[in-house]
């Protein structure tokens, strides 16, 4: 991976087919702030992982608040994804996942960053366990 820490369009989960497949057959785990649905990618990806984040409009009515939380998540992921990428490259796996915010209060950046680090650690652990089952 290059020295630049970026978060490009190819790293975002946008495919409706992949997202619907994720909700139908994906694995789920929960952290304090997020519900995470993940699956091994059925198609070849440009990057080891693709991610989407969702903030429920029912909880946060104002788009400004939803966008703030999404920006905080994406920034934390951008800074910490290297650990996930290194693990997935070593395991020769490609992953798609979606993080859904579960709290009813706006979390500060540090809190979200801790949750993102926890998500990455749990993803690595779950992928390794899922590989042993097969």
C-alpha atoms as a PDB file:
ATOM      1  CA  UNK A   1       0.000   0.000   0.000  1.00  0.00           C
ATOM      2  CA  UNK A   2       1.244   3.468  -0.765  1.00  0.00           C
ATOM      3  CA  UNK A   3       2.192   5.940   1.945  1.00  0.00           C
ATOM      4  CA  UNK A   4      -1.001   7.940   1.375  1.00  0.00           C
ATOM      5  CA  UNK A   5      -3.953   7.208   3.628  1.00  0.00           C
ATOM      6  CA  UNK A   6      -6.917   7.786   1.349  1.00  0.00           C
ATOM      7  CA  UNK A   7     -10.496   6.574   1.137  1.00  0.00           C
ATOM      8  CA  UNK A   8     -11.399   6.321  -2.530  1.00  0.00           C
ATOM      9  CA  UNK A   9     -14.660   5.558  -4.320  1.00  0.00           C
ATOM     10  CA  UNK A  10     -13.476   1.983  -5.009  1.00  0.00           C
ATOM     11  CA  UNK A  11     -13.263   1.375  -1.246  1.00  0.00           C
ATOM     12  CA  UNK A  12     -16.914   2.330  -0.699  1.00  0.00           C
ATOM     13  CA  UNK A  13     -19.616  -0.283  -0.876  1.00  0.00           C
ATOM     14  CA  UNK A  14     -22.066   1.053  -3.474  1.00  0.00           C
ATOM     15  CA  UNK A  15     -23.271  -2.013  -5.368  1.00  0.00           C
ATOM     16  CA  UNK A  16     -26.954  -2.663  -4.675  1.00  0.00           C
ATOM     17  CA  UNK A  17     -26.439  -6.335  -5.481  1.00  0.00           C
ATOM     18  CA  UNK A  18     -23.604  -6.689  -2.954  1.00  0.00           C
ATOM     19  CA  UNK A  19     -25.543  -4.775  -0.304  1.00  0.00           C
ATOM     20  CA  UNK A  20     -28.687  -6.908  -0.705  1.00  0.00           C
ATOM     21  CA  UNK A  21     -26.548 -10.063  -0.652  1.00  0.00           C
ATOM     22  CA  UNK A  22     -24.879  -8.753   2.491  1.00  0.00           C
ATOM     23  CA  UNK A  23     -28.221  -8.346   4.275  1.00  0.00           C
ATOM     24  CA  UNK A  24     -29.446 -11.763   3.109  1.00  0.00           C
ATOM     25  CA  UNK A  25     -26.403 -13.915   3.920  1.00  0.00           C
ATOM     26  CA  UNK A  26     -24.046 -11.722   5.948  1.00  0.00           C
ATOM     27  CA  UNK A  27     -22.632 -12.328   9.401  1.00  0.00           C
ATOM     28  CA  UNK A  28     -23.564  -9.871  12.166  1.00  0.00           C
ATOM     29  CA  UNK A  29     -21.875  -8.608  15.307  1.00  0.00           C
ATOM     30  CA  UNK A  30     -22.519  -5.645  17.575  1.00  0.00           C
ATOM     31  CA  UNK A  31     -20.326  -3.082  19.274  1.00  0.00           C
ATOM     32  CA  UNK A  32     -21.536  -0.416  21.652  1.00  0.00           C
ATOM     33  CA  UNK A  33     -22.092   2.115  18.862  1.00  0.00           C
ATOM     34  CA  UNK A  34     -22.516   0.007  15.715  1.00  0.00           C
ATOM     35  CA  UNK A  35     -24.184  -3.037  14.230  1.00  0.00           C
ATOM     36  CA  UNK A  36     -21.797  -4.540  11.682  1.00  0.00           C
ATOM     37  CA  UNK A  37     -22.889  -6.841   8.871  1.00  0.00           C
ATOM     38  CA  UNK A  38     -20.029  -8.460   6.969  1.00  0.00           C
ATOM     39  CA  UNK A  39     -19.361 -11.129   4.389  1.00  0.00           C
ATOM     40  CA  UNK A  40     -16.520 -12.455   2.297  1.00  0.00           C
ATOM     41  CA  UNK A  41     -16.860 -10.798  -1.102  1.00  0.00           C
ATOM     42  CA  UNK A  42     -18.270 -13.028  -3.839  1.00  0.00           C
ATOM     43  CA  UNK A  43     -16.624 -10.857  -6.522  1.00  0.00           C
ATOM     44  CA  UNK A  44     -13.071  -9.658  -7.044  1.00  0.00           C
ATOM     45  CA  UNK A  45     -12.459  -6.182  -5.562  1.00  0.00           C
ATOM     46  CA  UNK A  46      -9.811  -3.566  -6.283  1.00  0.00           C
ATOM     47  CA  UNK A  47      -9.150  -3.213  -2.540  1.00  0.00           C
ATOM     48  CA  UNK A  48      -9.189  -5.860   0.226  1.00  0.00           C
ATOM     49  CA  UNK A  49     -12.347  -4.347   1.763  1.00  0.00           C
ATOM     50  CA  UNK A  50     -15.351  -2.264   0.814  1.00  0.00           C
ATOM     51  CA  UNK A  51     -17.334  -0.463   3.493  1.00  0.00           C
ATOM     52  CA  UNK A  52     -20.611   1.421   3.812  1.00  0.00           C
ATOM     53  CA  UNK A  53     -21.913   3.321   6.811  1.00  0.00           C
ATOM     54  CA  UNK A  54     -25.542   3.985   7.634  1.00  0.00           C
ATOM     55  CA  UNK A  55     -27.036   6.408  10.138  1.00  0.00           C
ATOM     56  CA  UNK A  56     -30.797   5.891  10.641  1.00  0.00           C
ATOM     57  CA  UNK A  57     -32.901   8.873   9.642  1.00  0.00           C
ATOM     58  CA  UNK A  58     -35.527   7.803  12.145  1.00  0.00           C
ATOM     59  CA  UNK A  59     -33.122   8.547  15.007  1.00  0.00           C
ATOM     60  CA  UNK A  60     -31.333  11.557  13.506  1.00  0.00           C
ATOM     61  CA  UNK A  61     -33.945  13.556  11.603  1.00  0.00           C
ATOM     62  CA  UNK A  62     -31.532  16.268  10.451  1.00  0.00           C
ATOM     63  CA  UNK A  63     -29.259  15.317   7.549  1.00  0.00           C
ATOM     64  CA  UNK A  64     -26.570  17.584   9.019  1.00  0.00           C
ATOM     65  CA  UNK A  65     -26.245  15.286  12.045  1.00  0.00           C
ATOM     66  CA  UNK A  66     -26.262  12.114   9.933  1.00  0.00           C
ATOM     67  CA  UNK A  67     -23.584  13.525   7.653  1.00  0.00           C
ATOM     68  CA  UNK A  68     -21.453  14.557  10.633  1.00  0.00           C
ATOM     69  CA  UNK A  69     -21.489  11.011  12.010  1.00  0.00           C
ATOM     70  CA  UNK A  70     -20.725   9.534   8.580  1.00  0.00           C
ATOM     71  CA  UNK A  71     -17.780  11.901   8.121  1.00  0.00           C
ATOM     72  CA  UNK A  72     -16.414  10.961  11.537  1.00  0.00           C
ATOM     73  CA  UNK A  73     -16.734   7.243  10.760  1.00  0.00           C
ATOM     74  CA  UNK A  74     -15.082   7.560   7.345  1.00  0.00           C
ATOM     75  CA  UNK A  75     -12.175   9.576   8.768  1.00  0.00           C
ATOM     76  CA  UNK A  76     -11.588   7.072  11.575  1.00  0.00           C
ATOM     77  CA  UNK A  77     -11.758   4.194   9.091  1.00  0.00           C
ATOM     78  CA  UNK A  78      -9.383   5.954   6.701  1.00  0.00           C
ATOM     79  CA  UNK A  79      -6.799   6.343   9.455  1.00  0.00           C
ATOM     80  CA  UNK A  80      -7.075   2.791  10.813  1.00  0.00           C
ATOM     81  CA  UNK A  81      -7.874   0.590   7.804  1.00  0.00           C
ATOM     82  CA  UNK A  82      -4.225  -0.374   7.267  1.00  0.00           C
ATOM     83  CA  UNK A  83      -4.505  -3.031   9.997  1.00  0.00           C
ATOM     84  CA  UNK A  84      -7.521  -4.605   8.299  1.00  0.00           C
ATOM     85  CA  UNK A  85      -5.897  -4.438   4.848  1.00  0.00           C
ATOM     86  CA  UNK A  86      -2.685  -6.074   6.074  1.00  0.00           C
ATOM     87  CA  UNK A  87      -4.658  -8.899   7.689  1.00  0.00           C
ATOM     88  CA  UNK A  88      -6.870  -9.479   4.626  1.00  0.00           C
ATOM     89  CA  UNK A  89      -3.897  -9.486   2.249  1.00  0.00           C
ATOM     90  CA  UNK A  90      -2.113 -12.005   4.469  1.00  0.00           C
ATOM     91  CA  UNK A  91      -5.237 -14.221   4.524  1.00  0.00           C
ATOM     92  CA  UNK A  92      -5.892 -13.618   0.774  1.00  0.00           C
ATOM     93  CA  UNK A  93      -9.490 -12.594   1.494  1.00  0.00           C
ATOM     94  CA  UNK A  94     -11.696  -9.754   0.326  1.00  0.00           C
ATOM     95  CA  UNK A  95     -14.419  -8.388   2.555  1.00  0.00           C
ATOM     96  CA  UNK A  96     -17.547  -6.264   2.264  1.00  0.00           C
ATOM     97  CA  UNK A  97     -19.169  -4.805   5.357  1.00  0.00           C
ATOM     98  CA  UNK A  98     -21.671  -2.236   6.514  1.00  0.00           C
ATOM     99  CA  UNK A  99     -21.670  -0.391   9.835  1.00  0.00           C
ATOM    100  CA  UNK A 100     -25.031   0.841  11.119  1.00  0.00           C
ATOM    101  CA  UNK A 101     -24.996   3.405  13.931  1.00  0.00           C
ATOM    102  CA  UNK A 102     -27.135   2.285  16.906  1.00  0.00           C
ATOM    103  CA  UNK A 103     -26.990   5.132  19.423  1.00  0.00           C
ATOM    104  CA  UNK A 104     -29.382   8.058  19.762  1.00  0.00           C
ATOM    105  CA  UNK A 105     -26.723  10.640  20.621  1.00  0.00           C
ATOM    106  CA  UNK A 106     -24.013  12.146  18.464  1.00  0.00           C
ATOM    107  CA  UNK A 107     -20.699  10.596  19.472  1.00  0.00           C
ATOM    108  CA  UNK A 108     -17.476  12.577  19.407  1.00  0.00           C
ATOM    109  CA  UNK A 109     -14.652  11.632  17.039  1.00  0.00           C
ATOM    110  CA  UNK A 110     -12.512   9.824  19.634  1.00  0.00           C
ATOM    111  CA  UNK A 111     -15.404   7.587  20.626  1.00  0.00           C
ATOM    112  CA  UNK A 112     -16.159   6.703  17.030  1.00  0.00           C
ATOM    113  CA  UNK A 113     -12.485   6.048  16.341  1.00  0.00           C
ATOM    114  CA  UNK A 114     -12.338   3.609  19.267  1.00  0.00           C
ATOM    115  CA  UNK A 115     -15.420   1.864  17.871  1.00  0.00           C
ATOM    116  CA  UNK A 116     -13.866   1.664  14.404  1.00  0.00           C
ATOM    117  CA  UNK A 117     -10.696   0.110  15.847  1.00  0.00           C
ATOM    118  CA  UNK A 118     -12.878  -2.379  17.740  1.00  0.00           C
ATOM    119  CA  UNK A 119     -14.806  -3.166  14.527  1.00  0.00           C
ATOM    120  CA  UNK A 120     -11.563  -3.810  12.632  1.00  0.00           C
ATOM    121  CA  UNK A 121     -10.261  -6.105  15.391  1.00  0.00           C
ATOM    122  CA  UNK A 122     -13.534  -8.044  15.528  1.00  0.00           C
ATOM    123  CA  UNK A 123     -13.644  -8.348  11.732  1.00  0.00           C
ATOM    124  CA  UNK A 124     -10.141  -9.839  11.716  1.00  0.00           C
ATOM    125  CA  UNK A 125     -11.085 -12.256  14.485  1.00  0.00           C
ATOM    126  CA  UNK A 126     -14.373 -13.279  12.834  1.00  0.00           C
ATOM    127  CA  UNK A 127     -12.794 -13.780   9.393  1.00  0.00           C
ATOM    128  CA  UNK A 128     -10.156 -16.012  10.959  1.00  0.00           C
ATOM    129  CA  UNK A 129     -12.811 -18.024  12.857  1.00  0.00           C
ATOM    130  CA  UNK A 130     -15.036 -18.259   9.773  1.00  0.00           C
ATOM    131  CA  UNK A 131     -12.086 -19.587   7.773  1.00  0.00           C
ATOM    132  CA  UNK A 132     -11.564 -22.410  10.318  1.00  0.00           C
ATOM    133  CA  UNK A 133     -15.205 -23.507   9.991  1.00  0.00           C
ATOM    134  CA  UNK A 134     -14.913 -24.058   6.231  1.00  0.00           C
END
